[in-house]
C-alpha atoms as a PDB file:
ATOM      1  CA  MET A   1      50.872  22.307 190.506  1.00  0.00           C
ATOM      2  CA  SER A   2      53.290  21.123 187.830  1.00  0.00           C
ATOM      3  CA  LYS A   3      54.751  23.598 185.401  1.00  0.00           C
ATOM      4  CA  PRO A   4      52.933  23.600 182.043  1.00  0.00           C
ATOM      5  CA  GLY A   5      54.809  22.345 179.037  1.00  0.00           C
ATOM      6  CA  LYS A   6      57.594  20.027 178.049  1.00  0.00           C
ATOM      7  CA  LEU A   7      60.218  19.573 175.366  1.00  0.00           C
ATOM      8  CA  VAL A   8      59.368  17.373 172.398  1.00  0.00           C
ATOM      9  CA  ARG A   9      61.171  16.156 169.301  1.00  0.00           C
ATOM     10  CA  ASP A  10      61.055  18.106 166.073  1.00  0.00           C
ATOM     11  CA  LYS A  11      58.714  15.601 164.408  1.00  0.00           C
ATOM     12  CA  ILE A  12      55.973  16.000 167.016  1.00  0.00           C
ATOM     13  CA  PRO A  13      54.338  19.066 165.360  1.00  0.00           C
ATOM     14  CA  ASP A  14      53.916  17.048 162.158  1.00  0.00           C
ATOM     15  CA  LEU A  15      52.328  14.211 164.127  1.00  0.00           C
ATOM     16  CA  ILE A  16      49.910  16.690 165.702  1.00  0.00           C
ATOM     17  CA  ARG A  17      48.986  17.979 162.237  1.00  0.00           C
ATOM     18  CA  SER A  18      48.407  14.409 161.074  1.00  0.00           C
ATOM     19  CA  GLU A  19      45.724  14.161 163.775  1.00  0.00           C
ATOM     20  CA  GLY A  20      43.899  17.085 162.174  1.00  0.00           C
ATOM     21  CA  LEU A  21      45.019  19.449 164.932  1.00  0.00           C
ATOM     22  CA  GLU A  22      47.153  22.585 164.898  1.00  0.00           C
ATOM     23  CA  PRO A  23      50.407  22.768 166.914  1.00  0.00           C
ATOM     24  CA  ILE A  24      51.381  26.131 168.373  1.00  0.00           C
ATOM     25  CA  ILE A  25      55.156  26.189 168.879  1.00  0.00           C
ATOM     26  CA  HIS A  26      57.157  28.428 171.171  1.00  0.00           C
ATOM     27  CA  THR A  27      60.973  28.625 171.222  1.00  0.00           C
ATOM     28  CA  ALA A  28      62.249  28.743 174.800  1.00  0.00           C
ATOM     29  CA  SER A  29      64.568  31.384 176.179  1.00  0.00           C
ATOM     30  CA  PRO A  30      67.900  30.010 177.510  1.00  0.00           C
ATOM     31  CA  ASP A  31      66.695  30.059 181.134  1.00  0.00           C
ATOM     32  CA  GLU A  32      63.380  28.496 180.222  1.00  0.00           C
ATOM     33  CA  TYR A  33      65.114  25.918 178.031  1.00  0.00           C
ATOM     34  CA  ALA A  34      67.374  24.886 180.930  1.00  0.00           C
ATOM     35  CA  GLU A  35      64.366  24.476 183.194  1.00  0.00           C
ATOM     36  CA  ARG A  36      62.437  22.458 180.626  1.00  0.00           C
ATOM     37  CA  LEU A  37      65.427  20.193 180.028  1.00  0.00           C
ATOM     38  CA  LEU A  38      65.328  19.225 183.696  1.00  0.00           C
ATOM     39  CA  ASP A  39      61.607  18.562 183.400  1.00  0.00           C
ATOM     40  CA  LYS A  40      62.321  16.432 180.337  1.00  0.00           C
ATOM     41  CA  LEU A  41      64.996  14.504 182.215  1.00  0.00           C
ATOM     42  CA  ARG A  42      62.548  13.670 185.003  1.00  0.00           C
ATOM     43  CA  GLU A  43      59.990  12.552 182.406  1.00  0.00           C
ATOM     44  CA  GLU A  44      62.467  10.305 180.579  1.00  0.00           C
ATOM     45  CA  VAL A  45      63.736   8.732 183.817  1.00  0.00           C
ATOM     46  CA  ALA A  46      60.143   7.948 184.816  1.00  0.00           C
ATOM     47  CA  GLU A  47      59.534   6.348 181.425  1.00  0.00           C
ATOM     48  CA  LEU A  48      62.725   4.303 181.792  1.00  0.00           C
ATOM     49  CA  LEU A  49      61.611   2.968 185.170  1.00  0.00           C
ATOM     50  CA  ASP A  50      58.291   1.942 183.625  1.00  0.00           C
ATOM     51  CA  SER A  51      59.888   0.334 180.564  1.00  0.00           C
ATOM     52  CA  ASP A  52      62.111  -2.272 182.222  1.00  0.00           C
ATOM     53  CA  THR A  53      65.396  -0.726 180.969  1.00  0.00           C
ATOM     54  CA  ASP A  54      64.365   0.067 177.405  1.00  0.00           C
ATOM     55  CA  VAL A  55      67.374   1.046 175.273  1.00  0.00           C
ATOM     56  CA  GLU A  56      65.434   3.818 173.532  1.00  0.00           C
ATOM     57  CA  GLU A  57      64.585   5.419 176.863  1.00  0.00           C
ATOM     58  CA  LEU A  58      68.246   5.262 177.905  1.00  0.00           C
ATOM     59  CA  THR A  59      69.185   7.000 174.658  1.00  0.00           C
ATOM     60  CA  ASP A  60      66.641   9.734 175.333  1.00  0.00           C
ATOM     61  CA  ILE A  61      68.063  10.304 178.814  1.00  0.00           C
ATOM     62  CA  ILE A  62      71.612  10.598 177.474  1.00  0.00           C
ATOM     63  CA  GLU A  63      70.485  13.077 174.815  1.00  0.00           C
ATOM     64  CA  VAL A  64      68.838  15.290 177.412  1.00  0.00           C
ATOM     65  CA  VAL A  65      71.891  15.121 179.690  1.00  0.00           C
ATOM     66  CA  TYR A  66      74.153  16.137 176.801  1.00  0.00           C
ATOM     67  CA  ALA A  67      71.842  19.002 175.834  1.00  0.00           C
ATOM     68  CA  ARG A  68      71.880  20.278 179.427  1.00  0.00           C
ATOM     69  CA  ALA A  69      75.673  19.957 179.630  1.00  0.00           C
ATOM     70  CA  GLU A  70      76.139  21.867 176.369  1.00  0.00           C
ATOM     71  CA  LEU A  71      73.839  24.593 177.629  1.00  0.00           C
ATOM     72  CA  ALA A  72      76.090  24.889 180.692  1.00  0.00           C
ATOM     73  CA  GLY A  73      79.097  25.413 178.423  1.00  0.00           C
ATOM     74  CA  ALA A  74      80.473  21.918 177.895  1.00  0.00           C
ATOM     75  CA  SER A  75      81.342  20.949 174.336  1.00  0.00           C
ATOM     76  CA  ARG A  76      80.058  17.810 172.675  1.00  0.00           C
ATOM     77  CA  GLY A  77      83.658  16.570 172.626  1.00  0.00           C
ATOM     78  CA  ALA A  78      83.874  16.899 176.393  1.00  0.00           C
ATOM     79  CA  THR A  79      80.642  15.051 177.003  1.00  0.00           C
ATOM     80  CA  GLY A  80      80.991  12.409 174.321  1.00  0.00           C
ATOM     81  CA  SER A  81      78.329  11.550 171.778  1.00  0.00           C
ATOM     82  CA  VAL A  82      75.420   9.199 171.392  1.00  0.00           C
ATOM     83  CA  PRO A  83      73.525   8.353 168.198  1.00  0.00           C
ATOM     84  CA  SER A  84      69.950   9.549 168.139  1.00  0.00           C
ATOM     85  CA  ARG A  85      67.343   6.995 167.167  1.00  0.00           C
ATOM     86  CA  GLN A  86      65.587   9.728 165.162  1.00  0.00           C
ATOM     87  CA  GLY A  87      68.638  11.392 163.657  1.00  0.00           C
ATOM     88  CA  GLU A  88      69.741  14.882 164.656  1.00  0.00           C
ATOM     89  CA  VAL A  89      67.469  16.065 167.451  1.00  0.00           C
ATOM     90  CA  GLN A  90      65.980  19.559 167.538  1.00  0.00           C
ATOM     91  CA  TRP A  91      64.109  20.181 170.741  1.00  0.00           C
ATOM     92  CA  CYS A  92      61.155  22.550 170.716  1.00  0.00           C
ATOM     93  CA  LEU A  93      58.937  23.622 173.569  1.00  0.00           C
ATOM     94  CA  ARG A  94      55.311  22.525 173.886  1.00  0.00           C
ATOM     95  CA  ARG A  95      53.212  24.448 176.374  1.00  0.00           C
ATOM     96  CA  PRO A  96      49.667  23.012 176.335  1.00  0.00           C
ATOM     97  CA  ALA A  97      48.566  25.491 178.973  1.00  0.00           C
ATOM     98  CA  ARG A  98      49.339  28.574 176.928  1.00  0.00           C
ATOM     99  CA  LEU A  99      51.825  29.044 174.102  1.00  0.00           C
ATOM    100  CA  VAL A 100      52.142  25.621 172.538  1.00  0.00           C
ATOM    101  CA  ARG A 101      49.248  23.254 172.565  1.00  0.00           C
ATOM    102  CA  LYS A 102      47.102  21.137 170.302  1.00  0.00           C
ATOM    103  CA  GLN A 103      44.468  23.235 168.627  1.00  0.00           C
ATOM    104  CA  ALA A 104      41.597  22.203 166.407  1.00  0.00           C
ATOM    105  CA  ALA A 105      42.274  22.440 162.702  1.00  0.00           C
ATOM    106  CA  ARG A 106      41.493  25.895 161.439  1.00  0.00           C
ATOM    107  CA  PRO A 107      37.757  26.394 161.152  1.00  0.00           C
ATOM    108  CA  ARG A 108      35.981  26.021 157.851  1.00  0.00           C
ATOM    109  CA  LEU A 109      33.725  28.958 157.145  1.00  0.00           C
ATOM    110  CA  SER A 110      30.757  28.857 154.827  1.00  0.00           C
ATOM    111  CA  GLY A 111      29.121  31.804 153.094  1.00  0.00           C
ATOM    112  CA  SER A 112      29.998  35.455 153.538  1.00  0.00           C
ATOM    113  CA  ARG A 113      27.934  36.396 156.597  1.00  0.00           C
ATOM    114  CA  LEU A 114      30.269  36.340 159.543  1.00  0.00           C
ATOM    115  CA  ILE A 115      31.084  37.821 162.941  1.00  0.00           C
ATOM    116  CA  ILE A 116      34.803  37.928 163.683  1.00  0.00           C
ATOM    117  CA  TRP A 117      35.216  38.270 167.441  1.00  0.00           C
ATOM    118  CA  ILE A 118      38.760  39.302 168.373  1.00  0.00           C
ATOM    119  CA  ASN A 119      39.519  38.338 171.962  1.00  0.00           C
ATOM    120  CA  GLY A 120      42.647  38.715 174.106  1.00  0.00           C
ATOM    121  CA  GLY A 121      44.139  40.800 176.854  1.00  0.00           C
ATOM    122  CA  PHE A 122      43.865  44.567 177.123  1.00  0.00           C
ATOM    123  CA  GLY A 123      46.706  45.787 174.920  1.00  0.00           C
ATOM    124  CA  ALA A 124      47.043  42.587 172.872  1.00  0.00           C
ATOM    125  CA  GLY A 125      46.320  44.421 169.609  1.00  0.00           C
ATOM    126  CA  LYS A 126      42.639  43.643 169.091  1.00  0.00           C
ATOM    127  CA  THR A 127      41.575  47.063 167.810  1.00  0.00           C
ATOM    128  CA  SER A 128      44.599  47.381 165.525  1.00  0.00           C
ATOM    129  CA  LEU A 129      43.776  44.014 163.974  1.00  0.00           C
ATOM    130  CA  ALA A 130      40.106  44.951 163.604  1.00  0.00           C
ATOM    131  CA  GLU A 131      41.086  48.192 161.845  1.00  0.00           C
ATOM    132  CA  GLU A 132      43.368  46.279 159.484  1.00  0.00           C
ATOM    133  CA  LEU A 133      40.604  43.801 158.675  1.00  0.00           C
ATOM    134  CA  ARG A 134      38.120  46.615 158.075  1.00  0.00           C
ATOM    135  CA  ARG A 135      40.577  48.205 155.659  1.00  0.00           C
ATOM    136  CA  ARG A 136      40.910  44.966 153.710  1.00  0.00           C
ATOM    137  CA  LEU A 137      37.324  43.699 153.876  1.00  0.00           C
ATOM    138  CA  PRO A 138      35.030  45.936 151.797  1.00  0.00           C
ATOM    139  CA  GLY A 139      31.782  46.622 153.609  1.00  0.00           C
ATOM    140  CA  ALA A 140      32.914  45.274 156.966  1.00  0.00           C
ATOM    141  CA  VAL A 141      31.620  47.111 160.037  1.00  0.00           C
ATOM    142  CA  LEU A 142      33.573  47.502 163.277  1.00  0.00           C
ATOM    143  CA  PHE A 143      31.546  47.256 166.491  1.00  0.00           C
ATOM    144  CA  ASP A 144      33.288  48.057 169.788  1.00  0.00           C
ATOM    145  CA  PRO A 145      31.140  46.838 172.729  1.00  0.00           C
ATOM    146  CA  GLU A 146      33.093  49.117 175.062  1.00  0.00           C
ATOM    147  CA  TYR A 147      30.900  51.975 173.871  1.00  0.00           C
ATOM    148  CA  VAL A 148      27.877  50.068 175.187  1.00  0.00           C
ATOM    149  CA  GLY A 149      29.630  49.910 178.559  1.00  0.00           C
ATOM    150  CA  CYS A 150      30.392  53.641 178.471  1.00  0.00           C
ATOM    151  CA  ILE A 151      26.708  54.427 177.878  1.00  0.00           C
ATOM    152  CA  LEU A 152      25.660  52.169 180.735  1.00  0.00           C
ATOM    153  CA  ARG A 153      28.061  53.984 183.066  1.00  0.00           C
ATOM    154  CA  GLU A 154      25.986  57.104 182.496  1.00  0.00           C
ATOM    155  CA  TRP A 155      22.747  55.345 183.348  1.00  0.00           C
ATOM    156  CA  VAL A 156      23.305  52.692 186.028  1.00  0.00           C
ATOM    157  CA  PRO A 157      25.731  52.013 188.900  1.00  0.00           C
ATOM    158  CA  ILE A 158      28.427  49.392 188.305  1.00  0.00           C
ATOM    159  CA  PRO A 159      29.267  47.953 191.741  1.00  0.00           C
ATOM    160  CA  THR A 160      32.327  45.984 190.591  1.00  0.00           C
ATOM    161  CA  GLY A 161      33.669  48.745 188.353  1.00  0.00           C
ATOM    162  CA  ASP A 162      33.610  46.391 185.339  1.00  0.00           C
ATOM    163  CA  PHE A 163      30.624  46.883 183.030  1.00  0.00           C
ATOM    164  CA  GLN A 164      30.999  43.314 181.738  1.00  0.00           C
ATOM    165  CA  ASP A 165      29.611  42.171 185.094  1.00  0.00           C
ATOM    166  CA  LEU A 166      26.281  43.808 184.224  1.00  0.00           C
ATOM    167  CA  PRO A 167      23.852  41.270 182.703  1.00  0.00           C
ATOM    168  CA  CYS A 168      22.325  44.093 180.662  1.00  0.00           C
ATOM    169  CA  TRP A 169      25.711  44.804 179.029  1.00  0.00           C
ATOM    170  CA  ARG A 170      26.025  41.218 177.834  1.00  0.00           C
ATOM    171  CA  GLU A 171      22.438  41.160 176.586  1.00  0.00           C
ATOM    172  CA  LEU A 172      22.799  44.505 174.802  1.00  0.00           C
ATOM    173  CA  VAL A 173      26.055  43.380 173.153  1.00  0.00           C
ATOM    174  CA  ILE A 174      24.338  40.309 171.722  1.00  0.00           C
ATOM    175  CA  GLU A 175      21.360  42.267 170.411  1.00  0.00           C
ATOM    176  CA  THR A 176      23.490  45.092 169.010  1.00  0.00           C
ATOM    177  CA  ALA A 177      25.841  42.698 167.237  1.00  0.00           C
ATOM    178  CA  LEU A 178      22.878  40.832 165.732  1.00  0.00           C
ATOM    179  CA  ALA A 179      21.255  44.027 164.485  1.00  0.00           C
ATOM    180  CA  LEU A 180      24.458  45.416 163.010  1.00  0.00           C
ATOM    181  CA  ARG A 181      25.380  42.203 161.254  1.00  0.00           C
ATOM    182  CA  ARG A 182      21.886  41.616 159.844  1.00  0.00           C
ATOM    183  CA  HIS A 183      21.132  45.164 158.740  1.00  0.00           C
ATOM    184  CA  HIS A 184      24.490  46.770 158.024  1.00  0.00           C
ATOM    185  CA  ALA A 185      27.299  44.266 157.473  1.00  0.00           C
ATOM    186  CA  GLN A 186      28.151  41.008 155.790  1.00  0.00           C
ATOM    187  CA  THR A 187      31.160  40.875 158.118  1.00  0.00           C
ATOM    188  CA  LEU A 188      31.037  42.331 161.621  1.00  0.00           C
ATOM    189  CA  LEU A 189      34.349  42.901 163.428  1.00  0.00           C
ATOM    190  CA  VAL A 190      34.203  42.906 167.225  1.00  0.00           C
ATOM    191  CA  PRO A 191      37.428  43.647 169.152  1.00  0.00           C
ATOM    192  CA  MET A 192      36.561  42.924 172.769  1.00  0.00           C
ATOM    193  CA  SER A 193      38.214  41.056 175.622  1.00  0.00           C
ATOM    194  CA  LEU A 194      36.116  38.252 177.061  1.00  0.00           C
ATOM    195  CA  LEU A 195      38.323  36.841 179.806  1.00  0.00           C
ATOM    196  CA  ASN A 196      35.467  35.494 181.906  1.00  0.00           C
ATOM    197  CA  ASP A 197      34.640  32.076 180.457  1.00  0.00           C
ATOM    198  CA  ASP A 198      30.977  32.261 181.456  1.00  0.00           C
ATOM    199  CA  TYR A 199      30.545  35.656 179.806  1.00  0.00           C
ATOM    200  CA  ALA A 200      32.279  34.417 176.643  1.00  0.00           C
ATOM    201  CA  ARG A 201      29.992  31.401 176.452  1.00  0.00           C
ATOM    202  CA  GLN A 202      26.916  33.554 177.024  1.00  0.00           C
ATOM    203  CA  ILE A 203      27.780  36.078 174.314  1.00  0.00           C
ATOM    204  CA  LEU A 204      29.388  33.893 171.663  1.00  0.00           C
ATOM    205  CA  GLY A 205      26.944  31.061 172.325  1.00  0.00           C
ATOM    206  CA  GLY A 206      24.034  33.486 172.208  1.00  0.00           C
ATOM    207  CA  LEU A 207      25.105  34.757 168.793  1.00  0.00           C
ATOM    208  CA  THR A 208      25.558  31.213 167.486  1.00  0.00           C
ATOM    209  CA  GLU A 209      22.148  30.141 168.789  1.00  0.00           C
ATOM    210  CA  ARG A 210      20.607  33.041 166.876  1.00  0.00           C
ATOM    211  CA  GLY A 211      22.043  31.704 163.638  1.00  0.00           C
ATOM    212  CA  GLU A 212      25.247  33.726 163.333  1.00  0.00           C
ATOM    213  CA  GLN A 213      28.521  32.253 162.096  1.00  0.00           C
ATOM    214  CA  ILE A 214      31.345  33.135 164.494  1.00  0.00           C
ATOM    215  CA  LEU A 215      35.084  33.149 163.965  1.00  0.00           C
ATOM    216  CA  HIS A 216      36.555  33.492 167.434  1.00  0.00           C
ATOM    217  CA  VAL A 217      40.148  34.771 167.408  1.00  0.00           C
ATOM    218  CA  PHE A 218      42.300  34.968 170.531  1.00  0.00           C
ATOM    219  CA  LEU A 219      45.471  37.067 170.502  1.00  0.00           C
ATOM    220  CA  ASP A 220      48.102  35.502 172.735  1.00  0.00           C
ATOM    221  CA  LEU A 221      51.431  37.015 173.750  1.00  0.00           C
ATOM    222  CA  TYR A 222      54.071  36.957 176.455  1.00  0.00           C
ATOM    223  CA  ALA A 223      53.156  38.583 179.755  1.00  0.00           C
ATOM    224  CA  GLU A 224      56.218  40.834 179.639  1.00  0.00           C
ATOM    225  CA  VAL A 225      55.279  42.074 176.158  1.00  0.00           C
ATOM    226  CA  LEU A 226      51.721  42.779 177.260  1.00  0.00           C
ATOM    227  CA  ARG A 227      52.988  44.586 180.350  1.00  0.00           C
ATOM    228  CA  GLN A 228      55.234  46.793 178.225  1.00  0.00           C
ATOM    229  CA  ARG A 229      52.390  47.629 175.849  1.00  0.00           C
ATOM    230  CA  ILE A 230      50.129  48.608 178.720  1.00  0.00           C
ATOM    231  CA  THR A 231      52.860  50.804 180.207  1.00  0.00           C
ATOM    232  CA  GLU A 232      53.355  52.636 176.913  1.00  0.00           C
ATOM    233  CA  ARG A 233      49.675  52.869 176.018  1.00  0.00           C
ATOM    234  CA  VAL A 234      48.136  56.354 175.898  1.00  0.00           C
ATOM    235  CA  MET A 235      44.423  56.396 175.181  1.00  0.00           C
ATOM    236  CA  TRP A 236      43.599  59.947 176.270  1.00  0.00           C
ATOM    237  CA  PRO A 237      46.586  62.287 175.778  1.00  0.00           C
ATOM    238  CA  ASP A 238      44.772  65.207 177.417  1.00  0.00           C
ATOM    239  CA  HIS A 239      43.538  63.246 180.429  1.00  0.00           C
ATOM    240  CA  PRO A 240      46.511  61.777 182.369  1.00  0.00           C
ATOM    241  CA  GLU A 241      44.365  60.717 185.318  1.00  0.00           C
ATOM    242  CA  ARG A 242      41.967  58.862 183.057  1.00  0.00           C
ATOM    243  CA  ASN A 243      44.931  57.218 181.319  1.00  0.00           C
ATOM    244  CA  GLN A 244      46.385  56.081 184.622  1.00  0.00           C
ATOM    245  CA  SER A 245      43.060  54.661 185.748  1.00  0.00           C
ATOM    246  CA  ALA A 246      42.728  52.679 182.505  1.00  0.00           C
ATOM    247  CA  ARG A 247      46.318  51.476 182.784  1.00  0.00           C
ATOM    248  CA  GLU A 248      45.743  50.228 186.329  1.00  0.00           C
ATOM    249  CA  PHE A 249      42.640  48.366 185.179  1.00  0.00           C
ATOM    250  CA  CYS A 250      44.658  46.677 182.425  1.00  0.00           C
ATOM    251  CA  PHE A 251      47.404  45.687 184.859  1.00  0.00           C
ATOM    252  CA  ARG A 252      44.859  44.200 187.266  1.00  0.00           C
ATOM    253  CA  ASN A 253      43.593  41.981 184.452  1.00  0.00           C
ATOM    254  CA  LEU A 254      46.962  41.048 182.941  1.00  0.00           C
ATOM    255  CA  ASP A 255      47.270  37.682 184.682  1.00  0.00           C
ATOM    256  CA  ARG A 256      43.684  36.850 183.737  1.00  0.00           C
ATOM    257  CA  ALA A 257      44.483  37.504 180.101  1.00  0.00           C
ATOM    258  CA  ILE A 258      47.555  35.272 180.096  1.00  0.00           C
ATOM    259  CA  ALA A 259      45.702  32.480 181.867  1.00  0.00           C
ATOM    260  CA  ALA A 260      42.681  32.748 179.558  1.00  0.00           C
ATOM    261  CA  ALA A 261      44.808  31.876 176.521  1.00  0.00           C
ATOM    262  CA  GLY A 262      45.155  28.295 177.741  1.00  0.00           C
ATOM    263  CA  ARG A 263      41.416  27.835 178.308  1.00  0.00           C
ATOM    264  CA  GLN A 264      40.090  28.733 174.884  1.00  0.00           C
ATOM    265  CA  PRO A 265      37.816  26.223 173.107  1.00  0.00           C
ATOM    266  CA  GLU A 266      39.412  24.101 170.401  1.00  0.00           C
ATOM    267  CA  GLU A 267      37.549  25.937 167.650  1.00  0.00           C
ATOM    268  CA  THR A 268      39.251  29.210 168.643  1.00  0.00           C
ATOM    269  CA  LEU A 269      41.881  30.525 166.241  1.00  0.00           C
ATOM    270  CA  THR A 270      44.799  31.427 168.510  1.00  0.00           C
ATOM    271  CA  LEU A 271      47.346  33.831 167.019  1.00  0.00           C
ATOM    272  CA  ARG A 272      50.535  35.287 168.487  1.00  0.00           C
ATOM    273  CA  SER A 273      50.345  39.070 168.425  1.00  0.00           C
ATOM    274  CA  ASP A 274      53.900  39.395 169.770  1.00  0.00           C
ATOM    275  CA  LYS A 275      55.241  37.436 166.785  1.00  0.00           C
ATOM    276  CA  MET A 276      53.125  38.986 164.016  1.00  0.00           C
ATOM    277  CA  ASN A 277      52.070  42.520 163.196  1.00  0.00           C
ATOM    278  CA  SER A 278      48.488  43.511 162.392  1.00  0.00           C
ATOM    279  CA  SER A 279      48.919  42.881 158.662  1.00  0.00           C
ATOM    280  CA  GLN A 280      50.322  39.391 159.230  1.00  0.00           C
ATOM    281  CA  LEU A 281      47.588  38.571 161.733  1.00  0.00           C
ATOM    282  CA  ALA A 282      44.985  39.711 159.210  1.00  0.00           C
ATOM    283  CA  ASP A 283      46.575  37.462 156.584  1.00  0.00           C
ATOM    284  CA  GLU A 284      46.037  34.465 158.880  1.00  0.00           C
ATOM    285  CA  ILE A 285      42.352  35.321 159.174  1.00  0.00           C
ATOM    286  CA  LEU A 286      41.678  36.312 155.574  1.00  0.00           C
ATOM    287  CA  VAL A 287      43.002  33.012 154.246  1.00  0.00           C
ATOM    288  CA  LEU A 288      40.086  31.342 156.046  1.00  0.00           C
ATOM    289  CA  LEU A 289      37.586  33.539 154.205  1.00  0.00           C
ATOM    290  CA  ARG A 290      38.685  32.542 150.731  1.00  0.00           C
ATOM    291  CA  PRO A 291      36.218  30.346 148.823  1.00  0.00           C
END
């Protein structure tokens, strides 16, 4: 399987926006940048071979070679210079599979009745964001479906250990969210990981089919940041064994969370919770709610 992502010119994000889509841009680390430069070199060579010695493709190849040489410590004077056909080049990293990809233009919301579902890995900052939104949205209600799972643990066996695998959990979450939104809240905030695509479609689709307006937010972040957050997370200070069990569960699902970020539907609002704090994330959401 090829590595996701490639380097693109600095004007590409603007071109993506001109298509009515939203670019998500990630700046590569030095090691990652070196690797992506080699990928870019292979891409440009392939384009040259298909173009019957196009001068523009040759220029692109030289630019990539110079960038790689400079990264290895060579100065521009040592490697020479070549004019860029687009002026000074600033390479950025596009990762369609996860961090940088085309995303649908930010959703247009109508009216004030809304369910904001905050998705993402365990430890991505979903509850913190929900609390911040509740603080800034008068009358908003926070519904945590994990409590539904905790109740079910008292009543029925969970063979897989994950209450989301219970059909009754998914059905109860839909019905509870509907009742809370219709009877108690103009805006319902739901911080809950839905990393199984089928479960996400069942729940979010079920709410939409019942007439609810959904803003689906996915909090994305680097795997190493998520791993550090899980390591430092303490949910039950007086119950170390329970904490360790929860931590192990989060670690088992870490790779699923990172992979899920690249599979979200285009209408999902993807935000980087390792680049923004809860207040900044809330700002990105609240701007969509303005008339």
